[in-house]
Amino acid sequence: MVTIHYREIICEGCDEMEILDSDYPLNLTQFAQICGQSPEWVLALLDHDILPTRTSAAVPQFIGEDVGRARRAYRLQRDFEASLPAVAVMLDLLDEIKQLRRQMQRITPSDF
């Protein structure tokens, strides 16, 4: 079975729809528009290591999975009125919890 990721890009002056793979590279402007934020805000996420920096590219490039992380960062910043350094810590802790839960699901009672 093949999974196709579809994203409708809704932004001012942009009426295109595209089928995007999760590995489809997005430039800074496209990524900011998809996230509904400014390019400056996205660059601040990079500065605080909230989004990964891809060293193979001379200019910032993003992929589909980065959109979810950026949107979570925005919600944490908005809901808790948190600074970006605090958001970075919160996201790291949430990632660690997710990883630990996955590890716990793999452990069977006989492992104890």
Protein backbone atom coordinates (compact mmCIF):
# COMPACT_ATOMS: atom_id res chain seq x y z
CA MET A 1 0.00 0.00 0.00
CA VAL A 2 1.30 3.45 -0.92
CA THR A 3 0.57 6.42 1.31
CA ILE A 4 0.33 9.81 -0.36
CA HIS A 5 0.69 12.89 1.80
CA TYR A 6 -1.48 15.73 0.57
CA ARG A 7 -1.15 19.26 1.81
CA GLU A 8 -3.11 22.21 0.59
CA ILE A 9 -1.01 25.32 0.89
CA ILE A 10 -3.27 28.20 1.88
CA CYS A 11 -1.60 31.57 1.93
CA GLU A 12 -2.14 35.04 0.59
CA GLY A 13 -1.50 35.15 -3.15
CA CYS A 14 -1.00 31.40 -3.30
CA ASP A 15 -3.72 29.26 -4.81
CA GLU A 16 -1.76 26.11 -5.53
CA MET A 17 -2.30 22.64 -4.20
CA GLU A 18 0.54 20.16 -4.12
CA ILE A 19 1.16 16.60 -3.19
CA LEU A 20 4.12 16.65 -0.85
CA ASP A 21 6.20 13.77 0.32
CA SER A 22 7.32 14.00 3.94
CA ASP A 23 10.85 14.37 2.55
CA TYR A 24 9.91 17.08 0.03
CA PRO A 25 12.19 20.05 0.76
CA LEU A 26 10.58 23.40 1.55
CA ASN A 27 12.38 26.73 1.52
CA LEU A 28 12.07 29.25 4.34
CA THR A 29 9.23 31.24 2.76
CA GLN A 30 7.17 28.16 1.88
CA PHE A 31 7.70 26.68 5.32
CA ALA A 32 6.73 29.91 7.10
CA GLN A 33 3.57 30.18 5.00
CA ILE A 34 2.56 26.58 5.71
CA CYS A 35 3.12 27.17 9.44
CA GLY A 36 1.22 30.46 9.33
CA GLN A 37 4.17 32.30 10.84
CA SER A 38 6.81 34.80 9.75
CA PRO A 39 10.19 33.73 8.35
CA GLU A 40 11.80 35.55 11.31
CA TRP A 41 9.90 33.33 13.75
CA VAL A 42 11.04 30.22 11.88
CA LEU A 43 14.66 31.45 11.97
CA ALA A 44 14.29 31.96 15.73
CA LEU A 45 13.23 28.29 16.01
CA LEU A 46 16.44 27.34 14.21
CA ASP A 47 18.48 29.58 16.54
CA HIS A 48 17.02 27.82 19.59
CA ASP A 49 17.51 24.32 18.10
CA ILE A 50 13.77 23.70 18.06
CA LEU A 51 13.98 22.76 14.38
CA PRO A 52 16.86 20.74 12.99
CA THR A 53 19.47 22.48 10.89
CA ARG A 54 20.30 20.50 7.81
CA THR A 55 23.99 21.07 7.15
CA SER A 56 23.87 19.83 3.56
CA ALA A 57 21.98 22.94 2.47
CA ALA A 58 23.47 26.42 2.19
CA VAL A 59 20.06 27.95 2.92
CA PRO A 60 17.54 26.63 5.44
CA GLN A 61 15.47 23.73 4.12
CA PHE A 62 12.60 22.04 5.86
CA ILE A 63 10.63 18.84 5.37
CA GLY A 64 7.06 17.88 6.15
CA GLU A 65 7.77 16.50 9.62
CA ASP A 66 9.19 19.89 10.64
CA VAL A 67 5.74 21.46 10.17
CA GLY A 68 4.27 19.46 13.05
CA ARG A 69 7.16 20.36 15.35
CA ALA A 70 6.89 24.06 14.46
CA ARG A 71 3.13 24.03 15.08
CA ARG A 72 3.63 22.33 18.46
CA ALA A 73 6.25 24.96 19.31
CA TYR A 74 3.79 27.73 18.45
CA ARG A 75 1.03 26.17 20.57
CA LEU A 76 3.35 25.80 23.57
CA GLN A 77 4.57 29.36 23.16
CA ARG A 78 1.02 30.68 22.89
CA ASP A 79 -0.70 28.52 25.52
CA PHE A 80 1.96 28.87 28.20
CA GLU A 81 3.29 32.28 27.15
CA ALA A 82 6.67 30.56 27.07
CA SER A 83 9.93 31.87 25.72
CA LEU A 84 11.58 29.97 22.89
CA PRO A 85 14.27 28.52 25.19
CA ALA A 86 11.48 27.18 27.43
CA VAL A 87 9.65 25.79 24.39
CA ALA A 88 12.84 24.00 23.32
CA VAL A 89 13.08 22.31 26.73
CA MET A 90 9.38 21.38 26.69
CA LEU A 91 9.65 19.81 23.24
CA ASP A 92 12.76 17.86 24.24
CA LEU A 93 10.95 16.51 27.30
CA LEU A 94 7.86 15.60 25.24
CA ASP A 95 10.09 13.77 22.74
CA GLU A 96 11.79 11.88 25.57
CA ILE A 97 8.42 10.87 27.05
CA LYS A 98 7.29 9.60 23.64
CA GLN A 99 10.49 7.59 23.25
CA LEU A 100 10.16 6.09 26.74
CA ARG A 101 6.54 5.11 26.09
CA ARG A 102 7.59 3.34 22.88
CA GLN A 103 10.28 1.46 24.81
CA MET A 104 7.78 0.47 27.50
CA GLN A 105 5.38 -0.91 24.87
CA ARG A 106 8.13 -3.20 23.58
CA ILE A 107 8.86 -4.63 27.03
CA THR A 108 6.97 -7.80 27.85
CA PRO A 109 6.14 -8.93 31.41
CA SER A 110 8.69 -11.73 31.07
CA ASP A 111 11.45 -9.09 30.77
CA PHE A 112 11.05 -8.30 34.48
